[in-house]
């Protein structure tokens, strides 16, 4: 099919988001997935279409190309783009202008100037005045582009407002890089299909996952560098607790050890920032304008991290506090200059296009798969073949699990069955998502109410994760072994990354074997033999222990409490609720031994 676009007057000014092409039909340079999605849409001409494409794949290009085609063929007369944030709203308007579609990002009320093809608004803006947008949609045939549509499920009012405002629209195009939510709020204009298990899941019309994008060289491969270390903190009761990141512990202890690591007054954050800056220097040898981003939990931490970066590098970091009036301008400025570091509260909003970001530090305690995927999405946008992204993480079970599942595609599950008497496995996830998706980025003061005070931390290089595999042995910051991994070139094909990591690990193991045992002050085992135990695994071990004790109660006639006390006396360690995975396994083995003897 040969077509021309609404306008191609400025198609030669296209950004990296528009890889050297004019609107659809005037050139043949759409990426394969964009071309495939266009052809499917044009063939089926649906009223609603959900495109799921991994962050960095070019959803904006696809959507605006389709908008151009629909305008040219008079299927629609105007376009409304709905975005999650003010910054993204402006970014959409700028991207649209580059292919001749003029959107007003400042529209608030009244008739639209005739020079515009439509408006760019936020979900919050629609939530405030849904009837204003419904009236516009009813007056002229409209294409509504709903960017990162999972946000329409953020609150009941936003979802209802979107339904009210855009129900009469001629066409609706929904876009997302993460079509899963941790709650069961239905997303407007998304089709849910019931599976054989009776659970309804979102059904995309076109899906382009990270694995496919990686194979097509559309996104960068991601190297995750994980850091462990000893943490010491004080509870509200005045007890001092010491633990090592990555070692089996309860969920509360993991949370407190994690927060201790991220405390800017400790040694963990400065050591990791130093390592990340070294990695950035290596990457910039091949990618001279490469930038780095720290994703912080709150404004105080962000300011403290920015100060640490200045102390470490001698250069000022760009600080982005999203409630700040100049935040959007600072992101644009950083995107267009060659400065090394930016620090943002929680994250630079999903979809914000800073293609030169190649190194990240995940310095927030938010642990939902949605947030993690969006955060990592800031670093995967590929500009030329061979670029790699590097993300630094604390050794926390959930994060390592997410890192190892980067290529897994997800759907939004609408029904989450719960058996009678069973703990809701999604409750904690939902609570974390609510925290992750709070509209304000201010410190809410909740941290001060928690029974916790960070005292001391240090950092240990723990492992590298790439393509679902783990490499490396523990090493001290600044050591030859750590430098080996930080010095991986920034321009490599995916297969070369894998090969290089295998070689570095083999060298590290060989070096370790030559050292006398007395010098081994760290756990000298390869990463794949040092599993990080998650809270779920701990819960399963506790359940297994309780089952074994229950069976032994019937066999021995002793009460549960007596058996648990005897197990603690023989095996050592705290009560089951605070015991490590190793201690729980030891008790399971012991009670099995007792039961066998009684037969």
Protein backbone atom coordinates (compact mmCIF):
# COMPACT_ATOMS: atom_id res chain seq x y z
CA UNK A 1 0.00 0.00 0.00
CA UNK A 2 1.50 3.38 -1.00
CA UNK A 3 0.50 6.38 1.04
CA UNK A 4 1.72 9.81 2.00
CA UNK A 5 1.66 11.26 5.47
CA UNK A 6 -0.27 14.17 6.92
CA UNK A 7 2.85 16.19 6.38
CA UNK A 8 6.45 15.35 5.63
CA UNK A 9 7.82 18.87 5.73
CA UNK A 10 10.02 18.19 8.73
CA UNK A 11 10.68 14.47 8.34
CA UNK A 12 14.40 15.08 7.78
CA UNK A 13 14.69 16.45 11.36
CA UNK A 14 13.70 13.17 13.02
CA UNK A 15 15.08 12.30 16.47
CA UNK A 16 16.70 8.99 17.52
CA UNK A 17 13.13 7.86 18.34
CA UNK A 18 12.43 8.11 14.58
CA UNK A 19 15.32 6.16 13.04
CA UNK A 20 15.95 8.16 9.91
CA UNK A 21 12.51 7.80 8.36
CA UNK A 22 9.65 9.87 7.06
CA UNK A 23 6.03 9.03 7.94
CA UNK A 24 4.75 5.59 6.98
CA UNK A 25 4.43 4.95 3.28
CA UNK A 26 7.01 7.53 2.18
CA UNK A 27 10.04 5.43 3.16
CA UNK A 28 10.78 1.84 4.09
CA UNK A 29 12.76 2.29 7.28
CA UNK A 30 10.27 1.35 9.95
CA UNK A 31 11.62 -1.31 12.27
CA UNK A 32 10.27 -4.76 11.50
CA UNK A 33 7.97 -4.83 14.54
CA UNK A 34 6.59 -1.34 13.76
CA UNK A 35 5.97 -2.39 10.15
CA UNK A 36 4.30 -5.61 11.35
CA UNK A 37 2.09 -3.77 13.83
CA UNK A 38 1.12 -1.19 11.15
CA UNK A 39 0.19 -3.91 8.67
CA UNK A 40 -1.89 -5.77 11.26
CA UNK A 41 -3.72 -2.55 12.19
CA UNK A 42 -4.39 -1.50 8.59
CA UNK A 43 -5.63 -4.98 7.70
CA UNK A 44 -8.00 -5.27 10.68
CA UNK A 45 -8.96 -1.57 11.17
CA UNK A 46 -9.95 -2.13 14.83
CA UNK A 47 -11.52 0.51 17.03
CA UNK A 48 -9.25 -0.51 19.94
CA UNK A 49 -5.67 -1.72 19.56
CA UNK A 50 -3.21 -2.58 22.36
CA UNK A 51 0.47 -2.56 21.39
CA UNK A 52 2.89 -3.93 23.99
CA UNK A 53 6.51 -3.11 23.19
CA UNK A 54 9.51 -3.21 25.49
CA UNK A 55 10.86 0.16 26.72
CA UNK A 56 13.18 1.61 24.10
CA UNK A 57 11.64 -0.27 21.15
CA UNK A 58 10.02 2.80 19.56
CA UNK A 59 6.35 2.90 20.62
CA UNK A 60 6.23 6.65 19.89
CA UNK A 61 7.39 6.11 16.31
CA UNK A 62 4.74 3.46 15.71
CA UNK A 63 1.93 5.49 17.27
CA UNK A 64 2.68 8.72 15.41
CA UNK A 65 3.21 6.87 12.12
CA UNK A 66 -0.20 5.29 12.57
CA UNK A 67 -1.70 8.68 13.52
CA UNK A 68 -0.23 10.14 10.33
CA UNK A 69 -1.79 7.34 8.23
CA UNK A 70 -5.23 7.72 9.88
CA UNK A 71 -5.21 11.51 9.41
CA UNK A 72 -4.12 11.22 5.77
CA UNK A 73 -6.87 8.68 5.01
CA UNK A 74 -9.48 10.83 6.82
CA UNK A 75 -10.30 7.98 9.19
CA UNK A 76 -9.84 10.57 11.94
CA UNK A 77 -9.75 14.36 11.97
CA UNK A 78 -7.80 14.98 15.16
CA UNK A 79 -5.49 13.29 17.66
CA UNK A 80 -5.47 13.27 21.49
CA UNK A 81 -2.40 11.88 23.25
CA UNK A 82 -2.73 11.01 26.95
CA UNK A 83 0.61 10.63 28.80
CA UNK A 84 1.52 9.87 32.43
CA UNK A 85 3.50 13.08 33.13
CA UNK A 86 3.86 16.73 32.13
CA UNK A 87 7.33 16.04 30.73
CA UNK A 88 6.11 13.18 28.57
CA UNK A 89 3.18 15.26 27.34
CA UNK A 90 5.65 17.85 26.00
CA UNK A 91 7.91 15.14 24.60
CA UNK A 92 5.00 13.69 22.60
CA UNK A 93 4.17 17.13 21.19
CA UNK A 94 7.81 17.66 20.14
CA UNK A 95 8.06 14.20 18.53
CA UNK A 96 4.76 14.71 16.67
CA UNK A 97 5.88 18.12 15.39
CA UNK A 98 8.93 16.52 13.79
CA UNK A 99 6.69 14.55 11.41
CA UNK A 100 4.26 17.39 10.80
CA UNK A 101 1.56 16.56 13.38
CA UNK A 102 0.99 19.59 15.62
CA UNK A 103 -0.25 18.83 19.13
CA UNK A 104 -0.94 21.50 21.75
CA UNK A 105 0.74 20.41 25.04
CA UNK A 106 -0.64 23.44 26.90
CA UNK A 107 -4.32 22.90 26.09
CA UNK A 108 -6.61 23.46 29.08
CA UNK A 109 -10.09 24.44 27.80
CA UNK A 110 -12.09 25.99 25.00
CA UNK A 111 -11.78 25.64 21.21
CA UNK A 112 -8.42 24.48 19.83
CA UNK A 113 -6.51 26.72 17.43
CA UNK A 114 -6.89 25.60 13.80
CA UNK A 115 -3.12 25.26 13.42
CA UNK A 116 -3.16 22.15 15.64
CA UNK A 117 -4.06 18.56 14.73
CA UNK A 118 -4.89 17.80 18.37
CA UNK A 119 -3.76 17.96 21.99
CA UNK A 120 -1.36 16.23 24.39
CA UNK A 121 -2.68 15.90 27.95
CA UNK A 122 -1.97 13.90 31.13
CA UNK A 123 -4.08 11.20 32.81
CA UNK A 124 -4.38 13.54 35.80
CA UNK A 125 -5.65 16.30 33.51
CA UNK A 126 -8.29 13.99 32.05
CA UNK A 127 -9.23 12.95 35.59
CA UNK A 128 -9.98 16.57 36.50
CA UNK A 129 -12.12 17.43 33.44
CA UNK A 130 -13.31 14.30 31.60
CA UNK A 131 -16.35 16.03 30.05
CA UNK A 132 -14.14 18.68 28.41
CA UNK A 133 -12.32 15.92 26.51
CA UNK A 134 -15.51 13.97 25.79
CA UNK A 135 -17.02 17.06 24.13
CA UNK A 136 -13.94 17.42 21.89
CA UNK A 137 -14.06 13.71 20.97
CA UNK A 138 -17.78 13.92 20.14
CA UNK A 139 -17.36 16.98 17.90
CA UNK A 140 -14.75 15.48 15.53
CA UNK A 141 -13.55 11.98 14.64
CA UNK A 142 -10.68 11.39 17.05
CA UNK A 143 -7.74 9.02 17.48
CA UNK A 144 -6.88 8.74 21.19
CA UNK A 145 -3.35 7.49 21.94
CA UNK A 146 -3.15 6.24 25.54
CA UNK A 147 0.56 6.12 26.40
CA UNK A 148 1.60 3.67 29.16
CA UNK A 149 -2.07 2.80 29.55
CA UNK A 150 -1.52 0.81 32.75
CA UNK A 151 -1.56 4.24 34.44
CA UNK A 152 -5.26 4.50 33.64
CA UNK A 153 -5.70 1.84 36.33
CA UNK A 154 -3.71 3.81 38.94
CA UNK A 155 -6.86 5.05 40.61
CA UNK A 156 -10.54 4.39 40.16
CA UNK A 157 -11.15 8.03 39.26
CA UNK A 158 -8.53 8.02 36.46
CA UNK A 159 -9.94 4.85 34.93
CA UNK A 160 -13.50 6.14 35.13
CA UNK A 161 -12.46 9.51 33.69
CA UNK A 162 -10.74 7.85 30.71
CA UNK A 163 -13.83 5.73 30.05
CA UNK A 164 -16.08 8.76 30.28
CA UNK A 165 -13.85 11.01 28.15
CA UNK A 166 -12.88 8.60 25.37
CA UNK A 167 -15.77 6.15 25.08
CA UNK A 168 -17.07 7.99 21.95
CA UNK A 169 -13.62 8.08 20.24
CA UNK A 170 -13.44 6.81 16.66
CA UNK A 171 -10.16 4.97 17.28
CA UNK A 172 -8.16 4.22 20.45
CA UNK A 173 -4.52 3.11 20.44
CA UNK A 174 -3.22 1.87 23.80
CA UNK A 175 0.54 1.59 24.34
CA UNK A 176 2.58 0.08 27.16
CA UNK A 177 5.99 -1.38 27.85
CA UNK A 178 4.72 -3.09 31.01
CA UNK A 179 1.16 -4.39 30.61
CA UNK A 180 1.09 -5.90 34.07
CA UNK A 181 -0.15 -4.31 37.28
CA UNK A 182 0.04 -5.78 40.75
CA UNK A 183 -3.55 -4.87 41.56
CA UNK A 184 -6.75 -6.04 39.91
CA UNK A 185 -7.99 -2.64 38.70
CA UNK A 186 -9.16 -3.25 35.11
CA UNK A 187 -7.40 -1.04 32.56
CA UNK A 188 -9.83 0.91 30.33
CA UNK A 189 -10.17 -0.19 26.67
CA UNK A 190 -8.06 -3.31 27.27
CA UNK A 191 -9.52 -6.70 26.34
CA UNK A 192 -9.27 -9.47 28.95
CA UNK A 193 -9.49 -13.12 27.93
CA UNK A 194 -10.25 -15.97 30.28
CA UNK A 195 -7.74 -18.81 30.31
CA UNK A 196 -8.30 -22.50 31.06
CA UNK A 197 -7.62 -21.73 34.73
CA UNK A 198 -10.58 -19.31 34.84
CA UNK A 199 -8.29 -16.29 35.25
CA UNK A 200 -8.72 -13.28 32.97
CA UNK A 201 -5.55 -11.78 31.49
CA UNK A 202 -4.92 -8.78 29.26
CA UNK A 203 -4.78 -9.65 25.56
CA UNK A 204 -2.45 -7.54 23.41
CA UNK A 205 -3.07 -7.08 19.68
CA UNK A 206 0.67 -6.86 19.03
CA UNK A 207 3.54 -7.76 21.36
CA UNK A 208 7.23 -7.01 20.95
CA UNK A 209 9.16 -8.19 24.01
CA UNK A 210 12.66 -7.43 25.28
CA UNK A 211 14.00 -10.78 24.03
CA UNK A 212 12.82 -10.09 20.47
CA UNK A 213 14.09 -6.50 20.61
CA UNK A 214 17.48 -7.70 21.84
CA UNK A 215 17.73 -10.24 19.01
CA UNK A 216 16.88 -7.45 16.53
CA UNK A 217 19.50 -5.11 18.06
CA UNK A 218 16.72 -2.61 18.79
CA UNK A 219 17.64 -2.46 22.51
CA UNK A 220 20.92 -2.81 24.34
CA UNK A 221 21.83 -5.93 26.30
CA UNK A 222 22.00 -5.19 30.05
CA UNK A 223 24.84 -6.22 32.33
CA UNK A 224 23.72 -6.20 35.99
CA UNK A 225 26.51 -5.72 38.55
CA UNK A 226 25.44 -6.73 42.04
CA UNK A 227 27.12 -5.61 45.30
CA UNK A 228 26.85 -7.27 48.69
CA UNK A 229 28.46 -6.22 52.00
CA UNK A 230 28.05 -6.19 55.78
CA UNK A 231 25.23 -4.02 57.16
CA UNK A 232 24.69 -2.97 60.77
CA UNK A 233 21.55 -1.22 62.07
CA UNK A 234 19.64 -0.56 65.28
CA UNK A 235 16.01 -1.50 65.81
CA UNK A 236 13.48 0.61 67.70
CA UNK A 237 13.98 -1.70 70.70
CA UNK A 238 17.64 -0.68 70.74
CA UNK A 239 18.98 -4.01 69.44
CA UNK A 240 21.93 -3.81 67.07
CA UNK A 241 21.72 -6.26 64.17
CA UNK A 242 24.43 -7.17 61.69
CA UNK A 243 23.81 -9.05 58.45
CA UNK A 244 25.28 -9.47 54.99
CA UNK A 245 23.30 -8.54 51.88
CA UNK A 246 22.39 -11.66 49.95
CA UNK A 247 22.53 -14.01 52.92
CA UNK A 248 19.27 -15.76 53.86
CA UNK A 249 17.20 -13.63 56.25
CA UNK A 250 13.63 -12.62 56.98
CA UNK A 251 11.77 -10.10 54.81
CA UNK A 252 12.03 -7.39 57.49
CA UNK A 253 15.77 -7.99 57.88
CA UNK A 254 16.27 -7.86 54.09
CA UNK A 255 14.39 -4.55 54.00
CA UNK A 256 16.45 -3.04 56.82
CA UNK A 257 19.77 -4.32 55.45
CA UNK A 258 18.81 -2.92 52.02
CA UNK A 259 18.00 0.51 53.48
CA UNK A 260 21.24 0.45 55.45
CA UNK A 261 23.16 -0.12 52.19
CA UNK A 262 21.43 2.85 50.53
CA UNK A 263 22.16 5.20 53.46
CA UNK A 264 24.48 7.88 51.98
CA UNK A 265 26.38 8.12 55.30
CA UNK A 266 27.62 4.52 55.04
CA UNK A 267 30.39 3.07 52.88
CA UNK A 268 28.22 1.00 50.51
CA UNK A 269 26.82 3.84 48.37
CA UNK A 270 30.17 5.69 47.91
CA UNK A 271 31.88 2.39 46.91
CA UNK A 272 29.13 1.51 44.40
CA UNK A 273 29.05 5.05 42.96
CA UNK A 274 32.84 4.91 42.54
CA UNK A 275 32.52 1.57 40.71
CA UNK A 276 29.68 2.89 38.53
CA UNK A 277 31.73 5.97 37.64
CA UNK A 278 34.66 3.74 36.64
CA UNK A 279 32.28 1.70 34.48
CA UNK A 280 31.02 4.93 32.91
CA UNK A 281 34.61 5.96 32.08
CA UNK A 282 35.14 2.61 30.33
CA UNK A 283 31.86 2.90 28.40
CA UNK A 284 32.69 6.47 27.32
CA UNK A 285 35.83 5.20 25.54
CA UNK A 286 33.48 3.78 22.90
CA UNK A 287 30.43 6.00 23.54
CA UNK A 288 31.87 9.47 24.33
CA UNK A 289 28.55 11.05 25.41
CA UNK A 290 27.37 8.11 27.59
CA UNK A 291 25.59 9.24 30.75
CA UNK A 292 24.74 7.67 34.11
CA UNK A 293 21.63 7.87 36.31
CA UNK A 294 21.09 7.19 40.01
CA UNK A 295 17.48 6.31 40.85
CA UNK A 296 16.93 7.48 44.45
CA UNK A 297 14.09 6.83 46.91
CA UNK A 298 13.53 10.38 48.17
CA UNK A 299 14.72 13.95 47.80
CA UNK A 300 17.09 13.95 50.79
CA UNK A 301 18.85 10.82 49.51
CA UNK A 302 19.00 12.26 45.98
CA UNK A 303 20.72 15.43 47.24
CA UNK A 304 23.14 13.36 49.32
CA UNK A 305 23.99 11.11 46.35
CA UNK A 306 24.57 14.17 44.15
CA UNK A 307 27.04 15.46 46.77
CA UNK A 308 28.81 12.07 46.88
CA UNK A 309 29.14 12.11 43.08
CA UNK A 310 30.67 15.57 43.20
CA UNK A 311 33.14 14.43 45.91
CA UNK A 312 34.05 11.28 43.94
CA UNK A 313 34.27 12.72 40.42
CA UNK A 314 34.91 16.42 40.97
CA UNK A 315 31.95 17.13 38.65
CA UNK A 316 28.46 18.32 39.52
CA UNK A 317 25.56 15.90 38.92
CA UNK A 318 22.26 17.06 37.39
CA UNK A 319 19.64 16.76 40.14
CA UNK A 320 16.04 16.08 39.05
CA UNK A 321 13.33 16.39 41.71
CA UNK A 322 10.13 15.80 39.80
CA UNK A 323 7.98 18.26 41.77
CA UNK A 324 10.51 20.96 40.90
CA UNK A 325 9.29 23.42 38.25
CA UNK A 326 12.51 23.11 36.23
CA UNK A 327 12.72 19.31 36.30
CA UNK A 328 11.58 18.84 32.69
CA UNK A 329 14.05 21.45 31.40
CA UNK A 330 16.90 19.82 33.34
CA UNK A 331 16.11 16.41 31.81
CA UNK A 332 16.11 17.97 28.32
CA UNK A 333 19.36 19.78 29.03
CA UNK A 334 21.04 16.60 30.31
CA UNK A 335 19.74 14.65 27.31
CA UNK A 336 21.40 17.10 24.93
CA UNK A 337 24.74 17.69 26.69
CA UNK A 338 27.64 15.37 27.54
CA UNK A 339 27.60 15.62 31.37
CA UNK A 340 28.35 12.37 33.17
CA UNK A 341 25.76 12.02 35.97
CA UNK A 342 22.10 12.64 36.72
CA UNK A 343 20.33 11.84 40.02
CA UNK A 344 16.54 11.51 40.05
CA UNK A 345 14.00 10.78 42.78
CA UNK A 346 12.66 7.26 42.30
CA UNK A 347 13.15 7.45 38.54
CA UNK A 348 13.05 9.65 35.49
CA UNK A 349 9.47 8.92 34.40
CA UNK A 350 8.84 5.94 32.18
CA UNK A 351 9.12 6.80 28.52
CA UNK A 352 11.35 9.83 29.13
CA UNK A 353 13.80 9.69 26.29
CA UNK A 354 17.46 10.14 27.32
CA UNK A 355 19.05 7.72 24.83
CA UNK A 356 22.61 8.38 26.02
CA UNK A 357 21.96 6.87 29.48
CA UNK A 358 24.13 3.73 29.59
CA UNK A 359 24.97 3.23 33.29
CA UNK A 360 22.47 3.08 36.16
CA UNK A 361 22.52 2.72 39.94
CA UNK A 362 19.31 1.26 41.42
CA UNK A 363 19.33 3.11 44.77
CA UNK A 364 15.70 2.72 45.79
CA UNK A 365 13.94 0.10 47.91
CA UNK A 366 10.95 -0.24 45.55
CA UNK A 367 10.75 -3.90 44.56
CA UNK A 368 7.85 -4.46 42.15
CA UNK A 369 8.51 -6.02 38.73
CA UNK A 370 6.66 -3.10 37.08
CA UNK A 371 8.89 -0.46 38.65
CA UNK A 372 12.07 -2.46 38.05
CA UNK A 373 11.21 -3.01 34.37
CA UNK A 374 10.47 0.68 33.86
CA UNK A 375 13.65 1.71 35.70
CA UNK A 376 15.87 -0.59 33.63
CA UNK A 377 14.01 0.65 30.55
CA UNK A 378 15.79 3.99 30.98
CA UNK A 379 19.09 2.37 29.90
CA UNK A 380 18.19 -0.03 27.09
CA UNK A 381 17.40 2.36 24.23
CA UNK A 382 19.89 1.51 21.49
CA UNK A 383 21.40 4.14 19.23
CA UNK A 384 23.93 2.00 17.38
CA UNK A 385 24.77 -1.66 17.24
CA UNK A 386 27.03 -3.04 19.99
CA UNK A 387 26.15 -0.64 22.82
CA UNK A 388 25.69 -2.29 26.23
CA UNK A 389 23.94 -0.99 29.36
CA UNK A 390 25.23 -1.52 32.90
CA UNK A 391 22.98 -1.39 35.98
CA UNK A 392 24.37 -1.59 39.53
CA UNK A 393 22.17 -3.30 42.17
CA UNK A 394 22.30 -4.33 45.82
CA UNK A 395 22.33 -8.13 46.26
CA UNK A 396 18.63 -8.42 47.16
CA UNK A 397 16.66 -11.57 46.17
CA UNK A 398 13.76 -9.78 44.43
CA UNK A 399 16.05 -7.57 42.34
CA UNK A 400 18.27 -10.46 41.27
CA UNK A 401 15.17 -12.41 40.33
CA UNK A 402 13.87 -9.52 38.18
CA UNK A 403 17.30 -9.10 36.57
CA UNK A 404 17.37 -12.79 35.63
CA UNK A 405 13.86 -12.59 34.13
CA UNK A 406 14.35 -9.57 31.87
CA UNK A 407 13.11 -11.45 28.80
CA UNK A 408 9.94 -12.80 30.39
CA UNK A 409 6.74 -11.36 28.90
CA UNK A 410 3.92 -10.54 31.30
CA UNK A 411 0.22 -9.83 31.03
CA UNK A 412 -2.05 -7.99 33.41
CA UNK A 413 -3.89 -10.56 35.53
CA UNK A 414 -7.38 -9.37 36.42
CA UNK A 415 -8.34 -12.23 38.75
CA UNK A 416 -6.11 -13.46 41.56
CA UNK A 417 -7.61 -16.52 43.24
CA UNK A 418 -7.15 -16.93 46.98
CA UNK A 419 -7.83 -20.17 48.76
CA UNK A 420 -9.59 -20.17 52.10
CA UNK A 421 -7.20 -19.55 54.96
CA UNK A 422 -4.28 -18.95 52.60
CA UNK A 423 -2.06 -15.90 52.91
CA UNK A 424 -2.67 -13.55 49.97
CA UNK A 425 0.54 -13.84 47.92
CA UNK A 426 -0.17 -10.52 46.18
CA UNK A 427 -0.82 -8.37 49.26
CA UNK A 428 2.78 -7.28 49.73
CA UNK A 429 3.21 -6.75 45.99
CA UNK A 430 0.16 -4.48 45.89
CA UNK A 431 1.41 -2.47 48.85
CA UNK A 432 4.79 -1.99 47.17
CA UNK A 433 3.17 -0.97 43.88
CA UNK A 434 1.10 1.67 45.66
CA UNK A 435 4.33 3.03 47.12
CA UNK A 436 6.03 2.90 43.72
CA UNK A 437 3.22 4.74 41.98
CA UNK A 438 2.62 7.53 44.50
CA UNK A 439 2.16 10.76 42.60
CA UNK A 440 4.43 12.78 44.86
CA UNK A 441 8.14 12.08 45.12
CA UNK A 442 8.53 13.79 48.47
CA UNK A 443 9.70 11.83 51.50
CA UNK A 444 6.37 11.16 53.22
CA UNK A 445 7.91 10.84 56.68
CA UNK A 446 7.01 7.13 56.82
CA UNK A 447 10.69 6.21 56.94
CA UNK A 448 11.07 7.98 60.30
CA UNK A 449 8.25 5.90 61.79
CA UNK A 450 9.89 2.58 60.98
CA UNK A 451 11.80 0.84 63.79
CA UNK A 452 15.20 1.27 62.21
CA UNK A 453 18.44 3.28 62.28
CA UNK A 454 21.29 2.63 59.84
CA UNK A 455 24.66 2.45 61.62
CA UNK A 456 27.30 1.10 59.29
CA UNK A 457 27.78 -0.50 55.85
CA UNK A 458 30.51 -1.67 53.53
CA UNK A 459 30.46 -2.95 49.95
CA UNK A 460 31.67 -6.15 48.32
CA UNK A 461 31.51 -6.85 44.58
CA UNK A 462 29.22 -9.89 44.44
CA UNK A 463 28.33 -11.02 40.92
CA UNK A 464 27.48 -10.06 37.34
CA UNK A 465 24.18 -11.14 35.77
CA UNK A 466 23.74 -11.28 32.03
CA UNK A 467 21.21 -13.08 29.85
CA UNK A 468 19.88 -15.13 32.77
CA UNK A 469 23.35 -16.40 33.81
CA UNK A 470 25.52 -15.34 36.78
CA UNK A 471 29.28 -14.81 36.78
CA UNK A 472 32.08 -13.88 39.17
CA UNK A 473 33.21 -14.41 42.74
CA UNK A 474 33.13 -11.90 45.57
CA UNK A 475 35.84 -9.24 45.50
CA UNK A 476 36.75 -6.09 47.40
CA UNK A 477 36.06 -2.69 45.80
CA UNK A 478 39.17 -1.51 43.98
CA UNK A 479 40.58 -5.03 43.65
CA UNK A 480 41.95 -6.46 40.41
CA UNK A 481 39.00 -8.88 40.24
CA UNK A 482 36.42 -6.10 40.43
CA UNK A 483 38.30 -4.00 37.86
CA UNK A 484 38.16 -6.96 35.47
CA UNK A 485 34.37 -6.69 35.31
CA UNK A 486 34.18 -2.89 35.42
CA UNK A 487 36.56 -2.78 32.45
CA UNK A 488 34.33 -4.73 30.04
CA UNK A 489 34.19 -2.65 26.81
CA UNK A 490 31.06 -0.59 26.26
CA UNK A 491 30.72 -1.63 22.63
CA UNK A 492 30.22 -5.38 22.23
CA UNK A 493 27.90 -7.80 20.47
CA UNK A 494 25.69 -9.81 22.90
CA UNK A 495 27.60 -13.05 22.23
CA UNK A 496 30.90 -11.27 22.92
CA UNK A 497 29.59 -10.09 26.32
CA UNK A 498 28.77 -13.68 27.31
CA UNK A 499 32.15 -14.97 26.16
CA UNK A 500 34.06 -12.19 27.91
CA UNK A 501 32.22 -12.76 31.20
CA UNK A 502 33.01 -16.47 31.05
CA UNK A 503 36.71 -15.69 30.48
CA UNK A 504 36.81 -13.17 33.34
CA UNK A 505 35.22 -15.64 35.73
CA UNK A 506 37.65 -18.43 34.70
CA UNK A 507 40.55 -16.05 35.35
CA UNK A 508 39.14 -15.07 38.74
CA UNK A 509 38.70 -18.72 39.76
CA UNK A 510 42.26 -19.58 38.65
CA UNK A 511 43.64 -16.63 40.63
CA UNK A 512 41.65 -17.70 43.70
CA UNK A 513 43.05 -21.24 43.58
CA UNK A 514 46.61 -19.93 43.74
CA UNK A 515 45.98 -18.01 46.98
CA UNK A 516 46.63 -19.68 50.35
CA UNK A 517 43.40 -20.51 52.25
CA UNK A 518 44.44 -18.08 54.99
CA UNK A 519 44.04 -15.16 52.55
CA UNK A 520 40.45 -16.07 51.58
CA UNK A 521 38.55 -13.46 53.62
CA UNK A 522 35.58 -13.55 51.23
CA UNK A 523 33.37 -16.40 50.10
CA UNK A 524 35.44 -17.83 47.23
CA UNK A 525 32.70 -19.55 45.24
CA UNK A 526 31.39 -18.72 41.73
CA UNK A 527 28.08 -16.84 41.67
CA UNK A 528 26.03 -19.77 40.35
CA UNK A 529 27.03 -21.76 43.45
CA UNK A 530 26.04 -18.93 45.83
CA UNK A 531 22.23 -18.85 45.54
CA UNK A 532 20.45 -15.83 47.00
CA UNK A 533 17.45 -17.06 49.01
CA UNK A 534 14.21 -15.13 48.61
CA UNK A 535 11.56 -14.49 51.26
CA UNK A 536 9.25 -16.94 49.43
CA UNK A 537 11.86 -19.68 49.72
CA UNK A 538 12.25 -18.92 53.43
CA UNK A 539 8.46 -19.12 53.85
CA UNK A 540 8.47 -22.50 52.08
CA UNK A 541 11.26 -23.79 54.38
CA UNK A 542 9.33 -22.61 57.46
CA UNK A 543 6.19 -24.31 56.12
CA UNK A 544 8.18 -27.49 55.49
CA UNK A 545 9.62 -27.40 59.02
CA UNK A 546 6.17 -26.88 60.56
CA UNK A 547 4.79 -29.82 58.52
CA UNK A 548 7.64 -32.05 59.71
CA UNK A 549 7.17 -30.94 63.33
CA UNK A 550 3.40 -31.54 63.02
CA UNK A 551 4.01 -35.09 61.81
CA UNK A 552 6.51 -35.67 64.63
CA UNK A 553 3.94 -34.40 67.19
CA UNK A 554 1.67 -37.35 66.32
CA UNK A 555 4.59 -39.76 66.37
CA UNK A 556 6.17 -38.60 69.66
CA UNK A 557 3.16 -37.25 71.57
CA UNK A 558 5.14 -34.09 72.46
CA UNK A 559 3.58 -30.59 71.92
CA UNK A 560 4.73 -28.41 68.98
CA UNK A 561 6.40 -25.85 71.26
CA UNK A 562 8.48 -28.47 73.04
CA UNK A 563 9.79 -29.88 69.74
CA UNK A 564 10.67 -26.41 68.35
CA UNK A 565 12.50 -25.55 71.61
CA UNK A 566 14.42 -28.83 71.49
CA UNK A 567 15.38 -28.19 67.84
CA UNK A 568 16.71 -24.74 68.77
CA UNK A 569 18.68 -26.22 71.69
CA UNK A 570 20.26 -28.94 69.53
CA UNK A 571 20.80 -26.95 66.32
CA UNK A 572 21.24 -23.44 67.75
CA UNK A 573 19.87 -20.20 66.33
CA UNK A 574 16.82 -17.98 66.87
CA UNK A 575 13.09 -18.86 66.65
CA UNK A 576 11.89 -20.17 63.26
CA UNK A 577 10.50 -16.76 62.22
CA UNK A 578 14.01 -15.27 62.44
CA UNK A 579 16.08 -18.30 61.38
CA UNK A 580 18.14 -18.34 58.19
CA UNK A 581 17.57 -20.81 55.37
CA UNK A 582 20.59 -22.85 56.51
CA UNK A 583 19.29 -23.04 60.09
CA UNK A 584 15.83 -24.10 58.90
CA UNK A 585 17.29 -26.83 56.67
CA UNK A 586 19.38 -28.07 59.60
CA UNK A 587 16.26 -28.33 61.80
CA UNK A 588 14.31 -30.11 59.04
CA UNK A 589 17.12 -32.66 58.74
CA UNK A 590 17.25 -33.10 62.53
CA UNK A 591 13.49 -33.69 62.96
CA UNK A 592 13.62 -36.16 60.03
CA UNK A 593 16.43 -37.96 61.85
CA UNK A 594 14.37 -38.13 65.07
CA UNK A 595 11.32 -39.43 63.21
CA UNK A 596 13.39 -42.15 61.49
CA UNK A 597 14.81 -43.33 64.82
CA UNK A 598 11.31 -43.77 66.32
CA UNK A 599 10.12 -46.08 63.54
